[in-house]
Amino acid sequence: MSDEHFLIRLEPVVLVGIGGFAGSNLRYFVAGLLPGPPGTLVANAVGSFVLGFILYEAMYSGLLSSKTHWVAATGFLSSFTTYSTFALQTALVSAPILMLANVLANYALGFGAVLLGREFARIVEVQ
């Protein structure tokens, strides 16, 4: 058993919960503006870019604390992006070519956005 105070051990759970609450509400807002697979694609691509930036920013500069990581990456971005909705929406598409296009678009834009976030973090680090 850890000697840490209960509130100290509870802190990460609360921070992830706060980030998750905000991220899921923003995801709900995006789905209202852009329903269906296009909204999911936008959320996943934007979330991938921000996650790439946050992770590489932390790696290059070390400016972000673990608490920021808990709130922003684990809580907010994990709730904002949505693999399960992407998988469900892809399975519900009737035309196989559209299913393939949705999968390719989500993965290509997601990986591309992470790499773009990494480059943006490098630019910020240099300045």
Foldseek 3Di string as FASTA:
>chain_A
DDPDDPVVVCLLVVLLQQLQVQQLVVLVVLCVVPNALVSLLVQLLVLLLVLLQVVLLCVLPVPDDVSNCSNHPNRRSVNNHDPPRLVVSLVPDDDPVVSVVSVCSSVVSNVVSSVNSNVVSVVVSVD
